[in-house]
Amino acid sequence: MNELIERIVANVGLDTGAAEKAVGLILGFLKAEGPADEVAKLLAALPGADDAVAAAGYKGGFMPGVMGLGSQLMGAGLGMGETSGVSKETIRFAREKAGDGPIDAVVASIPGLGQFV
């Protein structure tokens, strides 16, 4: 997780705490919304991912899907540009660690996600 957080701090400009929260929310969203077997492969390839999800406290809510995630990220203090940057960095990093198969399956399974990553 540290490598991903460092990338986000450097490339998106968030501080460490905000980057950790954002990554945890994104991974929590994928865990809640994606196919369990493919998400499990993704999380297994990212040491510390389960801890990040638990610490972020992702909650599905009154607004489901990608819009609900966006709302939670904005509630954590991220703007639209930061949300996009963190999402893209997280997926890029996950693709490097888990490979294209699990990532493509997860992204394809969640309506609207592909346009943000």
N, C-alpha and C. Protein backbone atom coordinates (compact mmCIF):
# COMPACT_ATOMS: atom_id res chain seq x y z
N MET A 1 0.82 -1.19 0.00
CA MET A 1 0.00 0.00 0.00
C MET A 1 0.86 1.26 0.00
N ASN A 2 1.99 1.20 0.68
CA ASN A 2 2.82 2.39 0.78
C ASN A 2 3.26 2.90 -0.58
N GLU A 3 3.61 1.99 -1.47
CA GLU A 3 4.04 2.39 -2.81
C GLU A 3 2.92 3.14 -3.53
N LEU A 4 1.71 2.63 -3.44
CA LEU A 4 0.57 3.29 -4.08
C LEU A 4 0.31 4.65 -3.45
N ILE A 5 0.34 4.73 -2.14
CA ILE A 5 0.10 6.00 -1.45
C ILE A 5 1.15 7.03 -1.85
N GLU A 6 2.40 6.60 -1.91
CA GLU A 6 3.47 7.52 -2.33
C GLU A 6 3.25 8.04 -3.74
N ARG A 7 2.81 7.17 -4.64
CA ARG A 7 2.50 7.59 -6.02
C ARG A 7 1.40 8.65 -6.04
N ILE A 8 0.38 8.40 -5.27
CA ILE A 8 -0.75 9.34 -5.25
C ILE A 8 -0.33 10.68 -4.67
N VAL A 9 0.46 10.65 -3.61
CA VAL A 9 0.95 11.89 -3.03
C VAL A 9 1.76 12.66 -4.08
N ALA A 10 2.65 11.96 -4.78
CA ALA A 10 3.51 12.61 -5.78
C ALA A 10 2.76 13.05 -7.02
N ASN A 11 1.86 12.21 -7.52
CA ASN A 11 1.23 12.47 -8.82
C ASN A 11 -0.10 13.22 -8.75
N VAL A 12 -0.80 13.09 -7.63
CA VAL A 12 -2.11 13.73 -7.52
C VAL A 12 -2.03 14.95 -6.60
N GLY A 13 -1.09 14.91 -5.66
CA GLY A 13 -0.90 16.05 -4.78
C GLY A 13 -1.67 16.00 -3.48
N LEU A 14 -2.20 14.85 -3.13
CA LEU A 14 -2.89 14.70 -1.85
C LEU A 14 -1.88 14.47 -0.74
N ASP A 15 -2.27 14.79 0.48
CA ASP A 15 -1.41 14.41 1.60
C ASP A 15 -1.63 12.92 1.89
N THR A 16 -0.75 12.37 2.69
CA THR A 16 -0.78 10.92 2.95
C THR A 16 -2.12 10.46 3.52
N GLY A 17 -2.65 11.17 4.48
CA GLY A 17 -3.92 10.77 5.10
C GLY A 17 -5.07 10.75 4.11
N ALA A 18 -5.15 11.78 3.28
CA ALA A 18 -6.22 11.83 2.28
C ALA A 18 -6.05 10.74 1.24
N ALA A 19 -4.81 10.46 0.85
CA ALA A 19 -4.55 9.40 -0.13
C ALA A 19 -4.94 8.05 0.44
N GLU A 20 -4.60 7.78 1.70
CA GLU A 20 -4.97 6.51 2.33
C GLU A 20 -6.48 6.35 2.40
N LYS A 21 -7.17 7.40 2.80
CA LYS A 21 -8.63 7.35 2.90
C LYS A 21 -9.25 7.09 1.53
N ALA A 22 -8.77 7.82 0.51
CA ALA A 22 -9.33 7.68 -0.83
C ALA A 22 -9.11 6.27 -1.38
N VAL A 23 -7.92 5.74 -1.23
CA VAL A 23 -7.64 4.39 -1.73
C VAL A 23 -8.51 3.37 -1.00
N GLY A 24 -8.65 3.51 0.30
CA GLY A 24 -9.50 2.61 1.06
C GLY A 24 -10.95 2.66 0.62
N LEU A 25 -11.44 3.87 0.33
CA LEU A 25 -12.82 4.01 -0.16
C LEU A 25 -12.98 3.36 -1.53
N ILE A 26 -12.02 3.58 -2.41
CA ILE A 26 -12.10 2.99 -3.75
C ILE A 26 -12.07 1.47 -3.68
N LEU A 27 -11.15 0.93 -2.92
CA LEU A 27 -11.07 -0.53 -2.80
C LEU A 27 -12.31 -1.10 -2.10
N GLY A 28 -12.83 -0.38 -1.12
CA GLY A 28 -14.06 -0.81 -0.46
C GLY A 28 -15.23 -0.83 -1.42
N PHE A 29 -15.30 0.18 -2.28
CA PHE A 29 -16.34 0.23 -3.31
C PHE A 29 -16.21 -0.96 -4.25
N LEU A 30 -15.00 -1.24 -4.72
CA LEU A 30 -14.80 -2.38 -5.62
C LEU A 30 -15.19 -3.68 -4.94
N LYS A 31 -14.86 -3.81 -3.67
CA LYS A 31 -15.20 -5.02 -2.91
C LYS A 31 -16.71 -5.17 -2.78
N ALA A 32 -17.40 -4.07 -2.57
CA ALA A 32 -18.86 -4.12 -2.41
C ALA A 32 -19.60 -4.31 -3.72
N GLU A 33 -19.07 -3.76 -4.79
CA GLU A 33 -19.81 -3.72 -6.05
C GLU A 33 -19.33 -4.71 -7.11
N GLY A 34 -18.09 -5.18 -7.01
CA GLY A 34 -17.53 -6.04 -8.05
C GLY A 34 -17.75 -7.51 -7.79
N PRO A 35 -17.39 -8.35 -8.77
CA PRO A 35 -17.50 -9.80 -8.59
C PRO A 35 -16.50 -10.28 -7.54
N ALA A 36 -17.00 -10.98 -6.55
CA ALA A 36 -16.20 -11.35 -5.37
C ALA A 36 -14.91 -12.07 -5.73
N ASP A 37 -14.95 -13.00 -6.67
CA ASP A 37 -13.74 -13.77 -6.98
C ASP A 37 -12.66 -12.90 -7.62
N GLU A 38 -13.04 -12.00 -8.51
CA GLU A 38 -12.07 -11.14 -9.17
C GLU A 38 -11.56 -10.06 -8.21
N VAL A 39 -12.43 -9.53 -7.37
CA VAL A 39 -12.01 -8.54 -6.38
C VAL A 39 -11.05 -9.19 -5.39
N ALA A 40 -11.30 -10.43 -5.02
CA ALA A 40 -10.40 -11.13 -4.09
C ALA A 40 -9.00 -11.25 -4.69
N LYS A 41 -8.91 -11.54 -5.99
CA LYS A 41 -7.60 -11.61 -6.66
C LYS A 41 -6.92 -10.25 -6.63
N LEU A 42 -7.67 -9.21 -6.91
CA LEU A 42 -7.14 -7.85 -6.91
C LEU A 42 -6.60 -7.50 -5.52
N LEU A 43 -7.42 -7.71 -4.49
CA LEU A 43 -7.01 -7.35 -3.13
C LEU A 43 -5.83 -8.19 -2.66
N ALA A 44 -5.78 -9.45 -3.05
CA ALA A 44 -4.67 -10.31 -2.66
C ALA A 44 -3.34 -9.83 -3.25
N ALA A 45 -3.40 -9.18 -4.39
CA ALA A 45 -2.19 -8.68 -5.05
C ALA A 45 -1.71 -7.36 -4.45
N LEU A 46 -2.50 -6.78 -3.57
CA LEU A 46 -2.16 -5.49 -2.96
C LEU A 46 -2.02 -5.66 -1.45
N PRO A 47 -0.82 -5.99 -0.97
CA PRO A 47 -0.64 -6.15 0.47
C PRO A 47 -1.10 -4.90 1.22
N GLY A 48 -1.90 -5.13 2.25
CA GLY A 48 -2.43 -4.03 3.05
C GLY A 48 -3.77 -3.52 2.57
N ALA A 49 -4.29 -4.08 1.48
CA ALA A 49 -5.56 -3.60 0.92
C ALA A 49 -6.72 -3.80 1.89
N ASP A 50 -6.79 -4.96 2.52
CA ASP A 50 -7.90 -5.20 3.44
C ASP A 50 -7.87 -4.23 4.62
N ASP A 51 -6.67 -3.92 5.11
CA ASP A 51 -6.54 -2.96 6.20
C ASP A 51 -6.97 -1.56 5.75
N ALA A 52 -6.63 -1.21 4.50
CA ALA A 52 -7.01 0.10 3.96
C ALA A 52 -8.53 0.21 3.84
N VAL A 53 -9.16 -0.87 3.39
CA VAL A 53 -10.62 -0.89 3.27
C VAL A 53 -11.25 -0.72 4.65
N ALA A 54 -10.76 -1.47 5.62
CA ALA A 54 -11.32 -1.40 6.97
C ALA A 54 -11.14 0.00 7.57
N ALA A 55 -9.98 0.59 7.37
CA ALA A 55 -9.70 1.91 7.95
C ALA A 55 -10.55 3.00 7.30
N ALA A 56 -10.82 2.87 6.01
CA ALA A 56 -11.58 3.91 5.30
C ALA A 56 -13.06 3.87 5.65
N GLY A 57 -13.57 2.71 5.96
CA GLY A 57 -14.97 2.60 6.34
C GLY A 57 -15.95 2.86 5.22
N TYR A 58 -15.67 2.30 4.02
CA TYR A 58 -16.60 2.49 2.91
C TYR A 58 -17.97 1.96 3.31
N LYS A 59 -18.98 2.75 3.01
CA LYS A 59 -20.36 2.34 3.28
C LYS A 59 -21.17 2.58 2.02
N GLY A 60 -21.79 1.52 1.54
CA GLY A 60 -22.78 1.74 0.50
C GLY A 60 -23.85 2.61 1.12
N GLY A 61 -24.55 3.33 0.36
CA GLY A 61 -25.49 4.22 1.01
C GLY A 61 -26.70 4.51 0.17
N PHE A 62 -27.25 5.66 0.45
CA PHE A 62 -28.47 6.04 -0.24
C PHE A 62 -28.23 6.25 -1.72
N MET A 63 -26.99 6.52 -2.11
CA MET A 63 -26.66 6.71 -3.52
C MET A 63 -25.72 5.57 -3.93
N PRO A 64 -26.22 4.61 -4.68
CA PRO A 64 -25.40 3.45 -5.02
C PRO A 64 -24.45 3.73 -6.19
N GLY A 65 -23.58 2.77 -6.44
CA GLY A 65 -22.72 2.80 -7.62
C GLY A 65 -21.64 3.86 -7.58
N VAL A 66 -21.18 4.21 -8.77
CA VAL A 66 -20.07 5.14 -8.94
C VAL A 66 -20.40 6.50 -8.32
N MET A 67 -21.62 6.93 -8.45
CA MET A 67 -22.01 8.23 -7.88
C MET A 67 -21.90 8.22 -6.35
N GLY A 68 -22.25 7.10 -5.75
CA GLY A 68 -22.12 6.98 -4.30
C GLY A 68 -20.67 7.04 -3.86
N LEU A 69 -19.79 6.39 -4.63
CA LEU A 69 -18.36 6.46 -4.33
C LEU A 69 -17.87 7.89 -4.47
N GLY A 70 -18.26 8.55 -5.54
CA GLY A 70 -17.86 9.94 -5.75
C GLY A 70 -18.29 10.81 -4.60
N SER A 71 -19.49 10.59 -4.12
CA SER A 71 -20.01 11.36 -3.00
C SER A 71 -19.16 11.14 -1.74
N GLN A 72 -18.78 9.90 -1.51
CA GLN A 72 -17.95 9.61 -0.33
C GLN A 72 -16.55 10.23 -0.47
N LEU A 73 -16.00 10.19 -1.68
CA LEU A 73 -14.68 10.80 -1.90
C LEU A 73 -14.75 12.31 -1.72
N MET A 74 -15.81 12.92 -2.23
CA MET A 74 -15.97 14.36 -2.05
C MET A 74 -16.18 14.68 -0.57
N GLY A 75 -16.89 13.82 0.14
CA GLY A 75 -17.08 13.99 1.57
C GLY A 75 -15.78 13.88 2.35
N ALA A 76 -14.79 13.19 1.76
CA ALA A 76 -13.47 13.06 2.38
C ALA A 76 -12.56 14.23 2.00
N GLY A 77 -13.13 15.19 1.23
CA GLY A 77 -12.38 16.40 0.92
C GLY A 77 -11.73 16.43 -0.45
N LEU A 78 -11.98 15.45 -1.31
CA LEU A 78 -11.38 15.44 -2.63
C LEU A 78 -12.25 16.20 -3.62
N GLY A 79 -11.60 16.90 -4.54
CA GLY A 79 -12.29 17.54 -5.63
C GLY A 79 -12.40 16.58 -6.80
N MET A 80 -13.06 17.00 -7.86
CA MET A 80 -13.26 16.12 -9.02
C MET A 80 -11.93 15.69 -9.64
N GLY A 81 -10.99 16.61 -9.79
CA GLY A 81 -9.69 16.27 -10.36
C GLY A 81 -8.92 15.29 -9.50
N GLU A 82 -8.97 15.48 -8.21
CA GLU A 82 -8.29 14.58 -7.29
C GLU A 82 -8.94 13.20 -7.29
N THR A 83 -10.26 13.18 -7.35
CA THR A 83 -10.98 11.91 -7.40
C THR A 83 -10.58 11.12 -8.64
N SER A 84 -10.54 11.79 -9.77
CA SER A 84 -10.13 11.15 -11.01
C SER A 84 -8.69 10.67 -10.92
N GLY A 85 -7.80 11.51 -10.42
CA GLY A 85 -6.39 11.14 -10.31
C GLY A 85 -6.16 9.94 -9.42
N VAL A 86 -6.81 9.93 -8.26
CA VAL A 86 -6.66 8.81 -7.33
C VAL A 86 -7.23 7.53 -7.95
N SER A 87 -8.37 7.63 -8.59
CA SER A 87 -8.99 6.45 -9.21
C SER A 87 -8.08 5.86 -10.28
N LYS A 88 -7.56 6.71 -11.14
CA LYS A 88 -6.69 6.23 -12.22
C LYS A 88 -5.40 5.64 -11.67
N GLU A 89 -4.79 6.29 -10.70
CA GLU A 89 -3.55 5.76 -10.10
C GLU A 89 -3.80 4.42 -9.42
N THR A 90 -4.93 4.30 -8.72
CA THR A 90 -5.24 3.07 -8.01
C THR A 90 -5.44 1.92 -8.99
N ILE A 91 -6.19 2.15 -10.05
CA ILE A 91 -6.43 1.10 -11.04
C ILE A 91 -5.15 0.76 -11.78
N ARG A 92 -4.36 1.76 -12.14
CA ARG A 92 -3.08 1.52 -12.83
C ARG A 92 -2.16 0.66 -11.96
N PHE A 93 -2.07 1.00 -10.68
CA PHE A 93 -1.24 0.25 -9.75
C PHE A 93 -1.77 -1.18 -9.59
N ALA A 94 -3.07 -1.32 -9.43
CA ALA A 94 -3.67 -2.65 -9.28
C ALA A 94 -3.43 -3.50 -10.52
N ARG A 95 -3.49 -2.88 -11.69
CA ARG A 95 -3.23 -3.59 -12.94
C ARG A 95 -1.79 -4.10 -12.98
N GLU A 96 -0.85 -3.29 -12.49
CA GLU A 96 0.56 -3.71 -12.44
C GLU A 96 0.75 -4.90 -11.50
N LYS A 97 0.02 -4.90 -10.41
CA LYS A 97 0.22 -5.94 -9.39
C LYS A 97 -0.63 -7.18 -9.62
N ALA A 98 -1.87 -7.01 -10.08
CA ALA A 98 -2.79 -8.15 -10.22
C ALA A 98 -2.94 -8.62 -11.66
N GLY A 99 -2.52 -7.81 -12.62
CA GLY A 99 -2.68 -8.15 -14.03
C GLY A 99 -3.98 -7.61 -14.60
N ASP A 100 -4.09 -7.68 -15.90
CA ASP A 100 -5.25 -7.13 -16.59
C ASP A 100 -6.54 -7.89 -16.32
N GLY A 101 -6.46 -9.22 -16.21
CA GLY A 101 -7.67 -10.03 -16.09
C GLY A 101 -8.60 -9.62 -14.97
N PRO A 102 -8.14 -9.64 -13.73
CA PRO A 102 -9.04 -9.26 -12.63
C PRO A 102 -9.52 -7.81 -12.73
N ILE A 103 -8.64 -6.92 -13.12
CA ILE A 103 -9.02 -5.51 -13.20
C ILE A 103 -10.07 -5.30 -14.28
N ASP A 104 -9.83 -5.86 -15.45
CA ASP A 104 -10.81 -5.71 -16.54
C ASP A 104 -12.16 -6.29 -16.15
N ALA A 105 -12.16 -7.43 -15.47
CA ALA A 105 -13.42 -8.06 -15.06
C ALA A 105 -14.16 -7.19 -14.05
N VAL A 106 -13.44 -6.62 -13.10
CA VAL A 106 -14.07 -5.78 -12.08
C VAL A 106 -14.62 -4.51 -12.72
N VAL A 107 -13.81 -3.84 -13.52
CA VAL A 107 -14.25 -2.59 -14.16
C VAL A 107 -15.45 -2.84 -15.06
N ALA A 108 -15.42 -3.92 -15.82
CA ALA A 108 -16.53 -4.23 -16.74
C ALA A 108 -17.82 -4.56 -16.00
N SER A 109 -17.71 -5.06 -14.78
CA SER A 109 -18.88 -5.51 -14.04
C SER A 109 -19.63 -4.36 -13.33
N ILE A 110 -18.99 -3.21 -13.21
CA ILE A 110 -19.59 -2.09 -12.47
C ILE A 110 -20.01 -1.01 -13.44
N PRO A 111 -21.31 -0.81 -13.60
CA PRO A 111 -21.80 0.17 -14.58
C PRO A 111 -21.21 1.57 -14.35
N GLY A 112 -20.67 2.14 -15.41
CA GLY A 112 -20.15 3.50 -15.38
C GLY A 112 -18.72 3.64 -14.91
N LEU A 113 -18.14 2.61 -14.32
CA LEU A 113 -16.80 2.74 -13.76
C LEU A 113 -15.75 2.97 -14.84
N GLY A 114 -15.89 2.33 -15.98
CA GLY A 114 -14.89 2.43 -17.04
C GLY A 114 -14.60 3.85 -17.48
N GLN A 115 -15.56 4.73 -17.41
CA GLN A 115 -15.32 6.10 -17.85
C GLN A 115 -14.48 6.91 -16.86
N PHE A 116 -14.28 6.38 -15.65
CA PHE A 116 -13.51 7.10 -14.64
C PHE A 116 -12.11 6.54 -14.44
N VAL A 117 -11.82 5.39 -15.00
CA VAL A 117 -10.51 4.79 -14.80
C VAL A 117 -9.84 4.56 -16.13
